[in-house]
Each structure stands twice: as structure tokens, then as C-alpha cells.
Protein backbone atom coordinates (compact mmCIF):
# COMPACT_ATOMS: atom_id res chain seq x y z
CA MET A 1 29.28 9.39 9.45
CA SER A 2 31.53 9.24 6.28
CA GLY A 3 32.31 12.48 4.65
CA LEU A 4 30.51 11.30 1.49
CA ILE A 5 27.45 10.67 3.58
CA ALA A 6 27.48 13.66 5.74
CA PHE A 7 27.75 15.76 2.40
CA ILE A 8 24.44 14.23 1.52
CA VAL A 9 22.83 14.61 4.60
CA CYS A 10 23.75 18.02 4.94
CA LEU A 11 22.37 19.24 1.24
CA LEU A 12 19.12 16.99 1.82
CA VAL A 13 18.03 16.91 5.38
CA LEU A 14 19.70 19.47 7.63
CA PRO A 15 17.02 22.09 7.42
CA GLY A 16 14.94 21.55 10.80
CA VAL A 17 16.30 17.86 11.34
CA GLN A 18 19.76 18.04 12.34
CA ALA A 19 20.53 18.28 16.22
CA GLY A 20 20.76 21.96 17.40
CA GLU A 21 18.20 23.21 14.54
CA GLY A 22 15.37 23.17 16.88
CA ALA A 23 13.71 20.00 15.35
CA ALA A 24 11.22 18.55 18.43
CA PRO A 25 9.75 15.37 18.62
CA VAL A 26 6.36 16.82 19.75
CA SER A 27 6.38 18.59 16.26
CA GLY A 28 5.63 14.92 14.80
CA ARG A 29 2.57 13.21 14.82
CA PRO A 30 2.56 10.18 17.43
CA VAL A 31 1.37 7.59 14.89
CA HIS A 32 1.79 4.28 17.11
CA THR A 33 1.31 1.67 14.88
CA TYR A 34 2.69 -1.60 13.06
CA SER A 35 4.00 -2.24 9.62
CA ILE A 36 5.98 -4.34 7.23
CA VAL A 37 8.54 -3.36 4.58
CA ALA A 38 9.30 -5.75 2.28
CA ARG A 39 10.55 -6.97 -1.04
CA ASP A 40 9.80 -10.06 -3.48
CA PRO A 41 12.77 -11.23 -4.36
CA HIS A 42 11.25 -12.54 -7.93
CA SER A 43 9.56 -9.74 -9.23
CA GLY A 44 11.78 -7.07 -7.49
CA GLN A 45 8.64 -5.46 -5.93
CA LEU A 46 9.08 -3.52 -3.01
CA GLY A 47 5.88 -2.56 -0.52
CA VAL A 48 5.07 -1.31 2.58
CA ALA A 49 2.00 -2.37 4.52
CA VAL A 50 0.54 -0.55 7.67
CA GLN A 51 -2.28 -0.34 10.50
CA SER A 52 -2.67 2.22 13.25
CA HIS A 53 -5.31 3.74 15.49
CA TRP A 54 -4.90 7.31 13.77
CA PHE A 55 -6.79 8.85 11.23
CA SER A 56 -5.09 8.44 7.35
CA VAL A 57 -2.03 6.48 8.37
CA GLY A 58 -1.46 6.01 4.70
CA SER A 59 -0.51 9.73 4.55
CA LEU A 60 2.43 9.63 6.97
CA VAL A 61 4.10 6.01 7.31
CA PRO A 62 4.78 4.50 4.23
CA TRP A 63 7.02 5.44 1.37
CA ALA A 64 8.29 4.11 -1.56
CA ARG A 65 10.08 4.61 -4.87
CA ALA A 66 10.13 2.14 -8.14
CA GLY A 67 13.83 0.89 -8.05
CA VAL A 68 14.88 2.47 -5.22
CA GLY A 69 13.27 1.46 -2.01
CA ALA A 70 10.53 1.29 0.72
CA ILE A 71 10.30 3.02 4.09
CA ALA A 72 7.99 3.00 6.98
CA THR A 73 8.45 5.97 9.39
CA GLN A 74 6.57 5.83 12.44
CA SER A 75 6.32 6.42 16.44
CA PHE A 76 6.87 10.10 16.41
CA VAL A 77 6.75 10.17 12.87
CA GLU A 78 9.65 12.23 10.94
CA VAL A 79 8.77 12.26 7.15
CA ARG A 80 12.06 13.24 6.25
CA TYR A 81 13.23 9.31 7.08
CA GLY A 82 10.79 8.91 4.24
CA SER A 83 11.20 11.71 1.51
CA SER A 84 14.97 11.85 2.31
CA GLY A 85 15.68 8.27 3.03
CA LEU A 86 14.45 7.25 -0.86
CA ASP A 87 16.65 10.28 -2.30
CA LEU A 88 19.67 8.95 0.01
CA MET A 89 19.12 5.27 -1.42
CA ALA A 90 18.57 6.69 -5.04
CA SER A 91 22.00 8.32 -4.55
CA GLY A 92 23.13 4.58 -4.29
CA LEU A 93 23.22 4.33 -0.71
CA SER A 94 21.94 0.85 0.88
CA ALA A 95 19.33 0.97 3.31
CA PRO A 96 21.68 0.46 6.21
CA ARG A 97 23.92 3.49 5.47
CA THR A 98 20.69 5.68 4.77
CA LEU A 99 19.04 4.95 7.96
CA ASP A 100 22.60 5.01 9.67
CA ALA A 101 22.74 8.77 7.94
CA LEU A 102 19.54 9.82 8.95
CA LEU A 103 19.53 8.72 12.37
CA ALA A 104 22.70 10.57 12.88
CA ALA A 105 21.53 14.11 11.68
CA ASP A 106 18.27 13.35 13.87
CA ALA A 107 18.28 15.39 17.28
CA TYR A 108 15.69 12.89 18.93
CA PRO A 109 16.14 9.52 17.53
CA GLY A 110 15.19 7.67 20.88
CA VAL A 111 11.36 8.50 20.06
CA ARG A 112 11.27 7.39 16.24
CA GLN A 113 10.71 3.84 14.46
CA VAL A 114 11.78 3.39 11.17
CA ALA A 115 12.31 0.40 8.55
CA MET A 116 13.80 0.58 5.32
CA ILE A 117 14.49 -1.95 2.27
CA ASP A 118 16.49 -1.44 -0.73
CA SER A 119 16.28 -2.50 -4.23
CA GLY A 120 18.62 -4.91 -3.51
CA GLY A 121 17.02 -6.52 -0.49
CA GLU A 122 19.04 -5.26 2.39
CA VAL A 123 16.97 -4.44 5.42
CA ALA A 124 17.53 -1.75 8.06
CA VAL A 125 15.31 -1.14 11.08
CA HIS A 126 15.64 1.09 14.23
CA THR A 127 13.21 1.16 17.58
CA GLY A 128 14.23 4.38 19.66
CA GLU A 129 14.60 3.41 23.31
CA ASN A 130 11.67 6.01 24.20
CA CYS A 131 9.26 4.64 21.95
CA ILE A 132 6.29 3.39 24.04
CA GLN A 133 5.84 -0.24 24.84
CA TYR A 134 5.21 -3.01 23.35
CA ALA A 135 8.13 -1.99 21.17
CA GLY A 136 10.05 -3.78 18.84
CA HIS A 137 10.95 -5.12 15.50
CA LEU A 138 11.97 -8.40 13.66
CA ALA A 139 13.97 -8.19 10.52
CA GLY A 140 14.45 -11.16 8.03
CA LYS A 141 15.58 -11.66 4.62
CA ASP A 142 13.70 -9.35 2.43
CA PHE A 143 11.49 -7.72 5.16
CA SER A 144 10.93 -6.27 8.29
CA VAL A 145 8.45 -5.90 10.73
CA GLN A 146 7.92 -3.24 13.30
CA SER A 147 5.22 -1.84 16.14
CA ASN A 148 4.61 -0.07 19.11
CA LEU A 149 2.24 0.46 21.63
CA MET A 150 1.31 -2.54 21.06
CA ILE A 151 -1.29 -4.62 23.50
CA SER A 152 1.41 -7.33 23.91
CA PRO A 153 4.84 -8.00 23.27
CA GLY A 154 4.71 -10.81 20.40
CA VAL A 155 3.34 -8.62 17.38
CA PRO A 156 6.73 -8.45 15.34
CA GLN A 157 7.32 -12.44 15.56
CA ALA A 158 3.56 -12.98 14.75
CA MET A 159 4.02 -10.65 11.55
CA ALA A 160 7.04 -12.36 10.32
CA GLU A 161 6.01 -15.87 10.86
CA ALA A 162 2.62 -14.42 8.64
CA PHE A 163 4.92 -12.95 5.85
CA GLN A 164 6.88 -15.49 5.21
CA GLN A 165 4.05 -18.39 5.28
CA ALA A 166 1.75 -16.53 3.04
CA GLU A 167 1.68 -17.24 -0.40
CA GLY A 168 0.32 -14.75 -3.31
CA THR A 169 1.65 -11.45 -4.43
CA LEU A 170 3.92 -9.24 -2.24
CA ALA A 171 0.76 -7.00 -1.54
CA GLU A 172 -1.10 -10.17 -0.01
CA ARG A 173 1.61 -11.63 1.86
CA MET A 174 1.90 -8.13 3.75
CA LEU A 175 -2.02 -8.24 4.13
CA ALA A 176 -1.62 -11.51 5.98
CA ALA A 177 1.08 -9.90 8.27
CA LEU A 178 -1.09 -7.17 9.22
CA VAL A 179 -3.69 -9.66 9.98
CA ALA A 180 -1.42 -11.65 11.92
CA ALA A 181 -0.72 -8.77 14.01
CA GLN A 182 -4.33 -7.82 14.77
CA THR A 183 -4.88 -11.51 15.70
CA VAL A 184 -2.28 -11.50 18.80
CA GLY A 185 -3.84 -7.98 19.85
CA GLY A 186 -2.45 -5.32 17.92
CA ASP A 187 -2.58 -1.72 19.07
CA LEU A 188 -3.57 -1.11 22.42
CA ARG A 189 -5.81 1.54 21.53
CA GLY A 190 -7.89 -0.25 18.64
CA LYS A 191 -7.60 0.03 15.08
CA GLN A 192 -8.81 2.92 12.59
CA SER A 193 -6.93 3.42 9.28
CA ALA A 194 -4.60 0.94 7.13
CA ALA A 195 -2.27 1.42 3.84
CA ILE A 196 -0.68 -0.49 1.06
CA LEU A 197 2.10 0.82 -1.36
CA VAL A 198 3.78 -1.60 -3.74
CA VAL A 199 6.31 -0.10 -6.51
CA SER A 200 8.05 -1.90 -9.11
CA GLY A 201 11.82 -3.16 -8.52
CA ALA A 202 12.62 -1.33 -11.81
CA ALA A 203 12.80 2.44 -11.83
CA GLY A 204 10.17 4.48 -13.81
CA SER A 205 11.75 7.05 -16.56
CA ARG A 206 8.84 9.06 -15.47
CA PRO A 207 8.39 10.59 -11.55
CA GLY A 208 5.65 8.47 -9.77
CA GLU A 209 6.13 5.89 -12.41
CA GLY A 210 6.21 2.36 -11.24
CA ARG A 211 3.27 2.51 -8.74
CA LEU A 212 1.56 -0.60 -8.69
CA VAL A 213 -0.54 -0.95 -5.79
CA ASP A 214 -1.39 2.40 -3.49
CA LEU A 215 -4.76 1.74 -1.37
CA HIS A 216 -5.76 3.68 1.63
CA VAL A 217 -8.18 3.45 4.55
CA GLU A 218 -8.82 6.52 5.94
CA ASP A 219 -11.21 5.97 9.16
CA ASN A 220 -13.12 2.32 9.28
CA PRO A 221 -14.04 0.16 12.35
CA GLN A 222 -12.39 -2.75 10.49
CA PRO A 223 -9.78 -1.33 8.31
CA LEU A 224 -7.85 -4.52 7.25
CA ARG A 225 -11.27 -5.63 6.00
CA GLU A 226 -11.71 -3.10 3.94
CA LEU A 227 -8.14 -2.92 2.69
CA ARG A 228 -8.48 -6.61 1.76
CA ARG A 229 -11.90 -5.31 -0.08
CA LEU A 230 -9.73 -2.72 -1.97
CA LEU A 231 -6.86 -5.22 -2.61
CA LYS A 232 -9.08 -7.66 -4.54
CA LEU A 233 -10.74 -4.34 -6.26
CA ASN A 234 -7.61 -3.16 -7.52
CA THR A 235 -6.45 -6.77 -8.48
CA ALA A 236 -9.77 -6.70 -10.73
CA TYR A 237 -8.95 -3.58 -12.31
CA GLU A 238 -5.13 -4.70 -13.31
CA HIS A 239 -6.81 -7.39 -15.16
CA MET A 240 -8.80 -5.23 -17.04
CA ASN A 241 -5.70 -3.11 -17.87
CA GLN A 242 -3.96 -5.89 -18.69
CA GLY A 243 -7.00 -6.71 -21.30
CA ASP A 244 -6.63 -3.33 -22.87
CA HIS A 245 -2.75 -3.96 -23.22
CA ALA A 246 -3.34 -7.30 -25.04
CA LEU A 247 -6.02 -5.64 -27.24
CA GLU A 248 -3.70 -2.68 -28.22
CA SER A 249 -1.34 -5.64 -29.41
CA GLY A 250 -4.24 -7.64 -31.63
CA ASP A 251 -3.99 -10.53 -28.77
CA ILE A 252 -8.02 -10.98 -28.63
CA ASP A 253 -8.10 -14.07 -26.97
CA ALA A 254 -5.44 -12.98 -24.30
CA ALA A 255 -7.61 -9.71 -23.48
CA LEU A 256 -10.70 -11.64 -23.19
CA GLU A 257 -9.06 -13.86 -20.51
CA GLU A 258 -8.06 -10.90 -18.71
CA TYR A 259 -11.40 -9.45 -18.65
CA GLY A 260 -13.00 -12.46 -17.67
CA GLN A 261 -10.40 -12.80 -14.51
CA ALA A 262 -11.65 -9.44 -13.53
CA GLU A 263 -15.40 -10.23 -13.51
CA ALA A 264 -14.39 -13.34 -11.63
CA LEU A 265 -13.32 -11.31 -8.76
CA GLN A 266 -15.77 -8.64 -9.13
CA PRO A 267 -18.99 -10.28 -10.59
CA ASP A 268 -21.59 -7.56 -9.68
CA ASN A 269 -19.34 -4.87 -11.13
CA LEU A 270 -21.56 -3.32 -14.27
CA GLU A 271 -18.29 -0.99 -15.66
CA MET A 272 -16.07 -3.92 -16.01
CA LYS A 273 -18.98 -5.91 -17.71
CA PHE A 274 -19.42 -3.18 -20.08
CA TRP A 275 -16.23 -2.48 -21.13
CA HIS A 276 -15.49 -6.15 -21.88
CA ALA A 277 -18.62 -6.17 -24.00
CA VAL A 278 -17.32 -3.04 -25.64
CA SER A 279 -14.28 -4.73 -26.77
CA LEU A 280 -16.08 -7.98 -27.97
CA VAL A 281 -17.90 -5.51 -30.35
CA ASN A 282 -14.78 -4.18 -31.54
CA ALA A 283 -13.05 -7.45 -31.84
CA GLY A 284 -16.06 -8.32 -33.93
CA ARG A 285 -17.58 -10.74 -31.61
CA THR A 286 -20.90 -9.40 -31.67
CA ASP A 287 -23.11 -12.27 -30.61
CA ALA A 288 -21.08 -12.60 -27.00
CA ALA A 289 -21.04 -8.95 -26.70
CA VAL A 290 -25.10 -8.78 -26.43
CA LEU A 291 -25.21 -11.27 -23.87
CA ILE A 292 -23.17 -9.48 -21.83
CA PHE A 293 -24.98 -6.16 -22.55
CA ALA A 294 -28.12 -7.77 -22.24
CA GLY A 295 -27.18 -8.09 -18.53
CA ILE A 296 -26.00 -5.03 -17.90
CA PHE A 297 -29.10 -3.00 -19.15
CA ARG A 298 -31.41 -5.30 -17.32
CA ASN A 299 -29.67 -4.10 -13.81
CA ASP A 300 -29.15 -0.46 -15.01
CA GLU A 301 -30.72 1.12 -17.91
CA ARG A 302 -28.41 4.18 -17.84
CA TRP A 303 -25.59 2.28 -19.37
CA ARG A 304 -27.37 1.51 -22.66
CA GLU A 305 -27.51 5.49 -23.25
CA LEU A 306 -23.75 5.36 -23.08
CA VAL A 307 -23.44 3.35 -26.23
CA PRO A 308 -24.08 5.54 -29.24
CA ARG A 309 -22.22 7.86 -27.13
CA LEU A 310 -18.83 5.78 -27.63
CA VAL A 311 -19.64 5.53 -31.37
CA GLN A 312 -19.82 9.30 -31.85
CA ALA A 313 -16.27 9.18 -29.91
CA GLY A 314 -14.99 6.66 -32.20
CA LEU A 315 -14.47 4.34 -29.20
CA LEU A 316 -17.32 1.51 -30.46
CA ASP A 317 -16.63 0.26 -33.64
CA ALA A 318 -20.72 -0.77 -34.71
CA ASP A 319 -22.43 0.21 -37.67
CA ALA A 320 -26.56 0.69 -37.79
CA ALA A 321 -27.17 -3.34 -37.60
CA VAL A 322 -24.90 -3.87 -34.70
CA LEU A 323 -26.53 -0.60 -32.65
CA ALA A 324 -30.01 -2.32 -33.30
CA ARG A 325 -28.83 -5.53 -31.90
CA ILE A 326 -27.22 -4.08 -28.84
CA ASN A 327 -30.25 -1.66 -28.35
CA ALA A 328 -32.59 -4.33 -28.40
CA ALA A 329 -30.41 -6.48 -25.86
CA GLY A 330 -32.04 -6.47 -22.19
CA SER A 331 -35.35 -4.90 -23.31
CA LYS A 332 -38.56 -6.24 -21.60
CA VAL A 333 -40.71 -8.23 -23.45
CA LYS A 334 -44.10 -6.38 -24.27
């Protein structure tokens, strides 16, 4: 280990991690699982996706920072591979040099399984010799897949193939890799929780900025099915956010297009419809808004009560005539 790397490791991770300081593998949680770290070469987005037969796997395994990198730390988890790994990559070290430094400072590398990818797409991965079989990993261009305690030895290969063949966003492609792992058997013990974390390829100006997808399924008999549902919902709300941004810049047509895409993904979501209608009123398109309000109120009258409150708060630009039309929308004919 070079002098620079050794110095940085001493600053960041020596307490409780370096050999001789008493770090014991049994102090970590044995999160046996499968995961993927990846980078989208077009957008630069970085991500981690994971599933395990362990409660709340998303609170332990996935780590990512916008413009820096993504990390999965599993088997007998040492979380400082995540926190210190991101700090080291942020300081300018590549993923391979970062992983080498952390492994050198770990008294028990044999029980660790760790994968990293940096903002430049360099990949580093380690499967310790004491990870429970079937354990292994497979790294490719802009990704690494890894697993341990699997029911069969072919999980990394299935994940890699699925990721490389999948289309869509980085999150969707990583989810395809998780599904492929489960299809060939997955975790010997079954399944319980899953998570997807995606960050921007560009560093934000404020801490935590650039987190694009952060979804956790803590305890579910079908965690990947639930994760897919949440990802679809997350995409719909992202369209809502983009619609709001378009409105702020005065592009009404673009905003309505985004709201329409959100509603197409979540046709039964009354809140999305409601804010779409509010935006239409504020854009002067009252006729279209009234039709949407009518459908909302027929489903749930409570939304009607929110309209005057928005006017009072200065969030709905509606005079008495417009309010009367909205209030009459969806009313039952007596």
C-alpha cells in the first residue's frame, strides 16, 4: 500500500477496522445476499441493487454518492467499506485502489464480499475465501454482480447476462439482474428484503444532493415484485416533479405532457390527478381541469375540501366563478 493510501486509510478507517484493533467478523451482521453495482455510460448515473433473506437489507448493503461511486458491502458486513470507501473515492482514488486499501486495513477480509464502481466506470470486487458457498462474483464493463449463500453456483452469470441484455433506466436494468438471480434459485434461505439506490453521475453542491432513486422493501414475501411496484411509482412521481419544473419555466405543454405520463403509470392515483388539475387551472385551462376534478370528487369527496384551502394559501389562482365550476364538478344530480 502506497504512503498516500496508507495515510488516508489511517485517517478514515483505522479505529476498529485495522488489524490488531479488535474488529471481529462476528460483530457484523451476516447479510448473505446477491447484489449489483453499476454505472450508466450515457448518463453517468451510479447505482446499487440488492436482495436478501434478511430484514432491511437496504440499510446495510448499498452505498452511493453522486459523482463519486457506488458500493455493495455484504456477507459479514463491514459498513465502513461503504462510508470510508466513498470518502476515499471522493478524495480521488479509483475503485480498485480504494478496495485494496480497505482490504489491507481489514483484519478479516476472508469473510467480506465487497464490490465498488467509481464515477469513471472502474470496477473492483472481492469475494473472501470464507464467504459461504455458493459464493462468487463477475465483473464486466460498468458493472459487477456478486452473491453468496446461493442455492446454485450460476447466480452471477445469470445476473450479468440479464443486466447486459436489459433495456431502460439503470434502475430497471439492475432490477432485471436481481430477477434473473431469483429465477435461477437465489438465496438458499429464500427472500425477504430488497433495495435500489441510484445517484447522479455529477456531484451535487449540497450533501445528499443527486439521489435519484432510493427504494427499500424491508420485509415482504415477494420483495422484488414490491420493488418493481415502488420503482414504477417512483418513476411516476419523477414525471410529476419534471412537470412542476416545466411549469416553473412557463412551458405549460411540457408540464401537461409530464403529468400525463405520470397518470398513465398510476391511473388510480387521485393525488396526481388533483395536482394536475390544479396546474391546469393556474395555466388558465379551466375546462380541462373541471373534467379531472369531477372524476376525483366522484371517487373521494374529501379532495373537494382542499380546493378553497389552496386558494387561501395562494396556491390556486381561481376567482369565484372558477371556484363555483370546480365545486359543481362531480356533484350528484338530484
